[in-house]
Amino acid sequence: MNSKTTGTLMLTALLASSFHSSADIEFKRPLQLNKEQVIQVGVEYSYFDLDLDFLDYASNLEGRSTPERNEAIRLDLHLPLTQRITLDYQRSDNEGLISRTAQPFKTLTKGFDHQLDASYWLFRSNDYSILLHAGLKYAKQGPVKLDCYDYKGVVVIGGTCEEADFRLLDGDTYLRTREFEYFPVMETDANTIGFKLGATLTNQLFGMSTYQYLGFEQTEVNVRLKSKLLEITDPFLLQVEFQGLRFGDVLNLIRSELPQDEPWLDRTFILEAGARVSINDTFFVTGSLTHYIVSRDSYVVGERETEYNNNTGLNLAIWMQSSETFNIYLRGEASTNNVLGFEPIAYNRKSSKYFKHPFGQLSLGFTIKVP
């Protein structure tokens, strides 16, 4: 099967979710450098479209899919429980639109995630401190239905689209209602669940408030695939030909290229260094440089797949403290290999080739301290 065609089948379903970052709890780690511990509520909005593709990500994609738009909104809560223990919770919701030059022409994806972290101040002084972290993460990619699918630009299979050459009738519905309804090519969704452990050392370097973080995350990735077409075993149907292509051969090639439906584990080691620098009484800057090292267990590498295991990300934000309780910020994110390491739900053997490209986005947010 044409690699550009098959390479976009699951990209359509999963790539949109990769255009958001669920790392806001970590992004705000420099705010914990101060001894002051108060309740904080945060809101952040991220937006991506082709006009904001400063790293030229979309034009480098080798396929028929183009990420048209992605939006994400995140709510987070920083809650001190005692002088040494704090909880951080975050909820994210995102929506993305993918367009293609062949069936399916457009796909809208939606997803959400939850993240809960606990931090413990093991030691704290004027010069440095040590924090220990533990957390849980859950992410869900909403169901996506691929009604029709273009094969090699020659044959269209499945669904209700008028140009479909092969379609599978829903026999039960027809016997009951005498109406012609056809099964889609595929329905898919995905979810991840995982935990993380880490430690932060805060200190003063070069006149700045700085920190170094070492962490480990393990995430179970589950991709669900449902397709009546791919379950066809009738010899007569499998031998049907159109323009020199046998229906059975088309199905076999699609099956061989799909993401695995057995769960696998992503294990990620994280090395991060960051700082907070005051500009004046109103403005300050935070930044971090993070490196991700990923290994996978029970993951089956595709026949022509290049597996990616390393990513480096840069996170910069400028903050305006307009009052004692209100901060607003603008931040930019960039990474060398897409969202590898911090969005496990986006990586599988169909989408992996898109992780050789850099990723970037802008976000606007604010935090409110609760007296």
Protein backbone atom coordinates (compact mmCIF):
# COMPACT_ATOMS: atom_id res chain seq x y z
CA MET A 1 0.00 0.00 0.00
CA ASN A 2 1.16 3.54 -0.75
CA SER A 3 2.97 4.76 2.39
CA LYS A 4 1.55 8.27 2.12
CA THR A 5 -1.95 6.83 2.04
CA THR A 6 -1.65 4.34 4.87
CA GLY A 7 0.46 6.67 6.97
CA THR A 8 -2.46 9.03 7.38
CA LEU A 9 -5.17 6.56 8.38
CA MET A 10 -4.51 6.72 12.10
CA LEU A 11 -2.87 10.12 11.91
CA THR A 12 -6.33 11.47 11.17
CA ALA A 13 -7.65 9.87 14.34
CA LEU A 14 -4.79 10.58 16.73
CA LEU A 15 -2.54 13.38 15.55
CA ALA A 16 -4.86 16.18 16.56
CA SER A 17 -4.53 15.23 20.19
CA SER A 18 -0.78 15.65 19.93
CA PHE A 19 -1.13 19.38 19.40
CA HIS A 20 -1.63 20.12 23.05
CA SER A 21 0.61 19.77 26.04
CA SER A 22 -0.58 18.39 29.37
CA ALA A 23 2.51 19.57 31.22
CA ASP A 24 1.18 22.71 32.87
CA ILE A 25 1.73 21.40 36.37
CA GLU A 26 5.37 20.91 35.46
CA PHE A 27 5.48 24.21 33.55
CA LYS A 28 4.52 26.05 36.74
CA ARG A 29 7.19 24.32 38.80
CA PRO A 30 9.30 27.54 39.04
CA LEU A 31 6.43 29.15 40.94
CA GLN A 32 7.06 26.64 43.73
CA LEU A 33 10.57 27.96 44.27
CA ASN A 34 9.25 30.49 46.75
CA LYS A 35 8.50 29.45 50.28
CA GLU A 36 5.09 31.07 50.13
CA GLN A 37 2.44 28.37 49.80
CA VAL A 38 -1.05 29.60 48.92
CA ILE A 39 -4.01 28.22 47.00
CA GLN A 40 -3.72 29.05 43.31
CA VAL A 41 -6.21 28.58 40.49
CA GLY A 42 -4.98 28.65 36.89
CA VAL A 43 -6.55 28.80 33.44
CA GLU A 44 -4.73 28.44 30.11
CA TYR A 45 -5.88 28.57 26.50
CA SER A 46 -3.79 27.20 23.62
CA TYR A 47 -4.51 27.62 19.94
CA PHE A 48 -2.88 26.33 16.76
CA ASP A 49 -3.65 26.85 13.11
CA LEU A 50 -1.58 27.09 9.94
CA ASP A 51 -1.03 30.83 10.38
CA LEU A 52 0.68 30.10 13.72
CA ASP A 53 2.84 27.24 12.41
CA PHE A 54 6.11 29.11 13.03
CA LEU A 55 8.19 25.91 12.93
CA ASP A 56 6.68 24.96 9.56
CA TYR A 57 5.45 21.67 10.99
CA ALA A 58 2.50 21.11 8.65
CA SER A 59 4.45 21.55 5.40
CA ASN A 60 7.00 18.92 6.49
CA LEU A 61 4.40 16.17 6.95
CA GLU A 62 4.84 13.46 4.35
CA GLY A 63 1.25 12.58 3.67
CA ARG A 64 -2.20 13.77 2.70
CA SER A 65 -3.20 15.09 6.14
CA THR A 66 -2.88 18.68 7.32
CA PRO A 67 -3.56 19.87 10.89
CA GLU A 68 -5.92 22.79 10.31
CA ARG A 69 -6.71 23.81 13.85
CA ASN A 70 -6.37 22.76 17.47
CA GLU A 71 -7.71 24.37 20.63
CA ALA A 72 -7.16 23.40 24.24
CA ILE A 73 -8.28 24.83 27.55
CA ARG A 74 -6.82 23.76 30.88
CA LEU A 75 -7.87 24.35 34.46
CA ASP A 76 -5.50 23.66 37.32
CA LEU A 77 -5.51 23.95 41.11
CA HIS A 78 -2.53 24.24 43.45
CA LEU A 79 -3.62 23.29 46.98
CA PRO A 80 -1.27 23.34 50.01
CA LEU A 81 -2.42 20.76 52.56
CA THR A 82 0.28 21.32 55.17
CA GLN A 83 3.53 23.26 55.38
CA ARG A 84 5.26 20.40 53.55
CA ILE A 85 2.59 18.75 51.39
CA THR A 86 0.82 20.21 48.34
CA LEU A 87 -1.58 18.80 45.76
CA ASP A 88 -1.86 19.88 42.11
CA TYR A 89 -4.79 18.92 39.90
CA GLN A 90 -5.30 19.66 36.22
CA ARG A 91 -8.11 19.04 33.75
CA SER A 92 -7.55 19.61 30.01
CA ASP A 93 -10.00 19.54 27.11
CA ASN A 94 -8.94 19.76 23.47
CA GLU A 95 -10.46 19.73 20.01
CA GLY A 96 -8.64 19.37 16.71
CA LEU A 97 -9.52 19.47 13.02
CA ILE A 98 -7.56 17.50 10.40
CA SER A 99 -8.10 17.92 6.67
CA ARG A 100 -7.01 15.50 3.91
CA THR A 101 -6.81 15.58 0.14
CA ALA A 102 -8.63 12.21 0.00
CA GLN A 103 -11.31 10.36 1.98
CA PRO A 104 -11.85 11.06 4.81
CA PHE A 105 -11.57 14.73 3.86
CA LYS A 106 -12.05 16.14 7.36
CA THR A 107 -11.94 14.62 10.83
CA LEU A 108 -12.77 16.34 14.11
CA THR A 109 -11.21 14.85 17.24
CA LYS A 110 -11.89 15.59 20.89
CA GLY A 111 -10.12 14.47 24.04
CA PHE A 112 -9.48 15.23 27.68
CA ASP A 113 -7.04 14.34 30.42
CA HIS A 114 -6.73 14.46 34.20
CA GLN A 115 -3.53 14.85 36.17
CA LEU A 116 -3.05 14.69 39.95
CA ASP A 117 0.30 15.36 41.62
CA ALA A 118 1.42 15.38 45.24
CA SER A 119 4.62 17.13 46.36
CA TYR A 120 6.46 16.82 49.64
CA TRP A 121 9.06 19.31 50.86
CA LEU A 122 11.76 16.95 52.14
CA PHE A 123 14.03 19.87 53.04
CA ARG A 124 13.72 23.64 52.76
CA SER A 125 16.08 26.52 53.55
CA ASN A 126 16.97 29.96 52.21
CA ASP A 127 19.64 28.47 49.94
CA TYR A 128 18.08 25.31 48.56
CA SER A 129 15.26 22.84 48.99
CA ILE A 130 14.32 19.31 47.95
CA LEU A 131 10.84 18.29 46.81
CA LEU A 132 9.58 14.77 46.14
CA HIS A 133 6.75 14.24 43.64
CA ALA A 134 4.27 11.47 42.84
CA GLY A 135 1.33 11.60 40.48
CA LEU A 136 -1.31 9.89 38.37
CA LYS A 137 -2.38 10.70 34.80
CA TYR A 138 -5.32 9.62 32.66
CA ALA A 139 -6.04 10.71 29.08
CA LYS A 140 -8.88 9.82 26.74
CA GLN A 141 -9.18 10.27 22.98
CA GLY A 142 -12.85 10.43 22.04
CA PRO A 143 -14.30 8.01 19.47
CA VAL A 144 -13.53 8.80 15.83
CA LYS A 145 -15.45 7.25 12.93
CA LEU A 146 -13.73 6.90 9.57
CA ASP A 147 -16.70 6.58 7.26
CA CYS A 148 -14.81 6.13 3.99
CA TYR A 149 -11.17 5.61 3.14
CA ASP A 150 -9.25 6.25 -0.06
CA TYR A 151 -6.88 3.47 -1.16
CA LYS A 152 -4.05 4.44 -3.53
CA GLY A 153 -6.23 7.14 -5.02
CA VAL A 154 -7.93 4.38 -7.03
CA VAL A 155 -10.45 2.66 -4.75
CA VAL A 156 -12.60 4.07 -1.95
CA ILE A 157 -13.91 1.57 0.58
CA GLY A 158 -16.66 1.65 3.16
CA GLY A 159 -19.25 4.01 4.48
CA THR A 160 -21.90 6.29 3.07
CA CYS A 161 -19.82 8.45 0.75
CA GLU A 162 -21.12 8.41 -2.81
CA GLU A 163 -17.74 7.57 -4.34
CA ALA A 164 -17.32 4.34 -2.34
CA ASP A 165 -16.42 1.36 -4.56
CA PHE A 166 -16.71 -1.29 -1.80
CA ARG A 167 -19.39 -0.99 0.88
CA LEU A 168 -20.72 -3.38 3.52
CA LEU A 169 -24.47 -3.27 4.11
CA ASP A 170 -25.83 -3.46 7.65
CA GLY A 171 -28.02 -6.51 7.08
CA ASP A 172 -29.82 -6.43 10.44
CA THR A 173 -30.91 -2.83 9.90
CA TYR A 174 -32.06 -3.58 6.38
CA LEU A 175 -34.20 -6.57 7.48
CA ARG A 176 -35.74 -4.47 10.21
CA THR A 177 -36.34 -1.18 8.38
CA ARG A 178 -35.72 -1.93 4.67
CA GLU A 179 -33.31 1.00 4.68
CA PHE A 180 -29.81 0.83 3.23
CA GLU A 181 -27.21 1.63 5.88
CA TYR A 182 -23.54 0.89 5.45
CA PHE A 183 -20.83 0.22 8.01
CA PRO A 184 -17.96 2.73 8.30
CA VAL A 185 -14.42 1.59 7.55
CA MET A 186 -13.40 1.91 11.16
CA GLU A 187 -14.22 3.35 14.57
CA THR A 188 -11.37 4.00 16.96
CA ASP A 189 -10.56 5.56 20.30
CA ALA A 190 -7.63 5.49 22.70
CA ASN A 191 -6.79 6.06 26.35
CA THR A 192 -3.74 6.10 28.59
CA ILE A 193 -3.26 5.69 32.32
CA GLY A 194 -0.02 6.04 34.18
CA PHE A 195 1.97 7.20 37.17
CA LYS A 196 5.05 9.32 37.73
CA LEU A 197 7.72 9.82 40.37
CA GLY A 198 10.28 12.58 40.64
CA ALA A 199 12.42 14.90 42.73
CA THR A 200 13.23 18.62 42.43
CA LEU A 201 16.26 20.43 43.80
CA THR A 202 15.90 24.21 44.05
CA ASN A 203 18.82 26.56 44.50
CA GLN A 204 20.33 29.91 43.56
CA LEU A 205 22.67 30.08 40.57
CA PHE A 206 24.07 33.16 38.84
CA GLY A 207 21.71 35.35 40.83
CA MET A 208 18.63 33.42 39.61
CA SER A 209 16.15 31.14 41.34
CA THR A 210 16.80 27.79 39.64
CA TYR A 211 15.78 24.15 39.88
CA GLN A 212 16.76 20.73 38.55
CA TYR A 213 14.26 17.91 38.17
CA LEU A 214 14.68 14.17 37.67
CA GLY A 215 11.58 12.09 36.97
CA PHE A 216 10.22 8.78 35.73
CA GLU A 217 6.83 8.10 34.14
CA GLN A 218 5.17 4.85 33.12
CA THR A 219 2.07 4.94 30.93
CA GLU A 220 -0.13 2.17 29.57
CA VAL A 221 -1.41 2.99 26.08
CA ASN A 222 -4.62 1.38 24.80
CA VAL A 223 -5.88 1.78 21.23
CA ARG A 224 -9.29 0.31 20.37
CA LEU A 225 -10.12 -0.54 16.75
CA LYS A 226 -13.55 -1.64 15.56
CA SER A 227 -14.23 -2.49 11.93
CA LYS A 228 -16.86 -4.74 10.37
CA LEU A 229 -15.08 -4.42 7.03
CA LEU A 230 -11.78 -5.75 8.38
CA GLU A 231 -13.62 -8.70 9.92
CA ILE A 232 -14.92 -9.96 6.55
CA THR A 233 -13.96 -13.60 5.89
CA ASP A 234 -16.41 -14.53 3.12
CA PRO A 235 -14.28 -15.96 0.23
CA PHE A 236 -16.59 -14.57 -2.45
CA LEU A 237 -16.42 -11.01 -1.14
CA LEU A 238 -12.67 -11.17 -0.66
CA GLN A 239 -12.19 -12.16 -4.33
CA VAL A 240 -14.17 -9.21 -5.72
CA GLU A 241 -11.96 -7.03 -7.93
CA PHE A 242 -12.10 -3.40 -8.99
CA GLN A 243 -9.54 -1.79 -11.32
CA GLY A 244 -7.18 -4.71 -10.79
CA LEU A 245 -7.33 -4.66 -6.98
CA ARG A 246 -8.79 -7.53 -4.99
CA PHE A 247 -10.90 -6.48 -2.00
CA GLY A 248 -9.20 -9.10 0.19
CA ASP A 249 -5.73 -7.77 -0.66
CA VAL A 250 -6.80 -4.24 0.23
CA LEU A 251 -8.09 -5.38 3.63
CA ASN A 252 -4.95 -7.40 4.38
CA LEU A 253 -2.67 -4.47 3.66
CA ILE A 254 -4.75 -2.14 5.81
CA ARG A 255 -4.70 -4.64 8.69
CA SER A 256 -0.92 -4.98 8.50
CA GLU A 257 -0.42 -1.22 8.77
CA LEU A 258 -2.78 -0.44 11.65
CA PRO A 259 -1.63 0.35 15.21
CA GLN A 260 -1.55 -2.68 17.46
CA ASP A 261 -4.70 -3.28 19.50
CA GLU A 262 -2.79 -4.85 22.39
CA PRO A 263 -1.76 -2.43 25.20
CA TRP A 264 1.86 -1.40 25.56
CA LEU A 265 3.87 0.55 28.14
CA ASP A 266 5.73 3.81 27.62
CA ARG A 267 8.53 4.39 30.12
CA THR A 268 10.02 7.87 30.16
CA PHE A 269 12.99 9.31 32.04
CA ILE A 270 12.89 13.09 32.34
CA LEU A 271 15.78 15.48 32.96
CA GLU A 272 14.85 19.13 33.39
CA ALA A 273 16.48 22.39 34.43
CA GLY A 274 14.66 25.68 34.83
CA ALA A 275 14.78 29.16 36.31
CA ARG A 276 12.73 32.14 37.35
CA VAL A 277 14.16 35.61 36.72
CA SER A 278 12.61 38.88 37.90
CA ILE A 279 12.70 41.79 35.43
CA ASN A 280 11.11 44.39 37.73
CA ASP A 281 8.31 44.55 40.27
CA THR A 282 5.72 43.76 37.60
CA PHE A 283 7.33 41.33 35.17
CA PHE A 284 9.27 38.09 35.53
CA VAL A 285 10.33 35.27 33.20
CA THR A 286 10.28 31.50 33.67
CA GLY A 287 11.98 28.95 31.47
CA SER A 288 12.95 25.30 31.34
CA LEU A 289 14.89 22.89 29.16
CA THR A 290 13.71 19.28 29.29
CA HIS A 291 15.04 16.06 27.80
CA TYR A 292 12.90 12.93 27.46
CA ILE A 293 14.27 9.40 27.05
CA VAL A 294 11.54 6.88 26.11
CA SER A 295 11.52 3.09 26.07
CA ARG A 296 8.56 0.83 25.28
CA ASP A 297 7.50 -2.58 26.55
CA SER A 298 5.21 -4.94 24.55
CA TYR A 299 5.33 -2.47 21.66
CA VAL A 300 5.49 -4.08 18.19
CA VAL A 301 7.55 -2.00 15.76
CA GLY A 302 6.11 -1.82 12.25
CA GLU A 303 7.92 -3.37 9.31
CA ARG A 304 8.98 0.01 7.87
CA GLU A 305 8.76 2.02 11.07
CA THR A 306 11.52 4.22 12.47
CA GLU A 307 11.14 4.28 16.25
CA TYR A 308 11.86 7.55 18.07
CA ASN A 309 13.04 7.57 21.67
CA ASN A 310 14.45 11.02 22.46
CA ASN A 311 13.03 14.52 22.57
CA THR A 312 14.22 17.88 23.89
CA GLY A 313 11.80 20.66 24.76
CA LEU A 314 12.15 24.36 25.52
CA ASN A 315 9.50 26.22 27.51
CA LEU A 316 9.61 30.02 27.96
CA ALA A 317 7.03 32.35 29.48
CA ILE A 318 6.80 36.01 30.40
CA TRP A 319 4.60 36.84 33.37
CA MET A 320 2.93 40.08 34.43
CA GLN A 321 2.00 40.37 38.08
CA SER A 322 -0.72 43.00 37.93
CA SER A 323 -1.68 42.65 41.60
CA GLU A 324 -0.87 40.70 44.73
CA THR A 325 -3.18 37.89 43.66
CA PHE A 326 -3.33 37.94 39.83
CA ASN A 327 -0.68 36.88 37.28
CA ILE A 328 -1.08 36.69 33.51
CA TYR A 329 1.41 35.05 31.17
CA LEU A 330 2.24 34.30 27.55
CA ARG A 331 4.31 31.21 26.89
CA GLY A 332 5.87 29.43 23.95
CA GLU A 333 6.77 25.75 23.66
CA ALA A 334 9.10 24.10 21.19
CA SER A 335 10.47 20.56 20.97
CA THR A 336 12.69 18.68 18.57
CA ASN A 337 10.48 15.60 18.12
CA ASN A 338 6.83 16.60 18.29
CA VAL A 339 5.28 15.72 21.67
CA LEU A 340 7.34 12.59 22.30
CA GLY A 341 7.66 11.89 26.02
CA PHE A 342 4.82 14.06 27.27
CA GLU A 343 1.89 12.88 25.12
CA PRO A 344 2.08 9.04 24.98
CA ILE A 345 -1.45 8.80 23.57
CA ALA A 346 -0.29 10.39 20.30
CA TYR A 347 2.45 7.85 19.49
CA ASN A 348 1.85 4.55 17.71
CA ARG A 349 3.38 2.71 14.78
CA LYS A 350 1.17 4.61 12.33
CA SER A 351 1.91 8.10 13.65
CA SER A 352 5.54 7.53 14.70
CA LYS A 353 7.02 8.93 11.47
CA TYR A 354 5.52 12.32 12.29
CA PHE A 355 7.67 12.46 15.43
CA LYS A 356 10.82 13.22 13.49
CA HIS A 357 9.59 16.81 13.13
CA PRO A 358 9.73 19.69 15.63
CA PHE A 359 6.64 20.98 17.39
CA GLY A 360 5.67 24.40 18.74
CA GLN A 361 2.71 26.36 20.04
CA LEU A 362 1.73 29.50 21.94
CA SER A 363 -0.48 29.69 25.03
CA LEU A 364 -2.06 32.43 27.11
CA GLY A 365 -3.01 31.94 30.74
CA PHE A 366 -3.41 33.39 34.18
CA THR A 367 -3.23 32.36 37.83
CA ILE A 368 -5.17 33.68 40.81
CA LYS A 369 -4.02 33.36 44.40
CA VAL A 370 -6.85 32.63 46.80
CA PRO A 371 -6.45 34.44 50.13
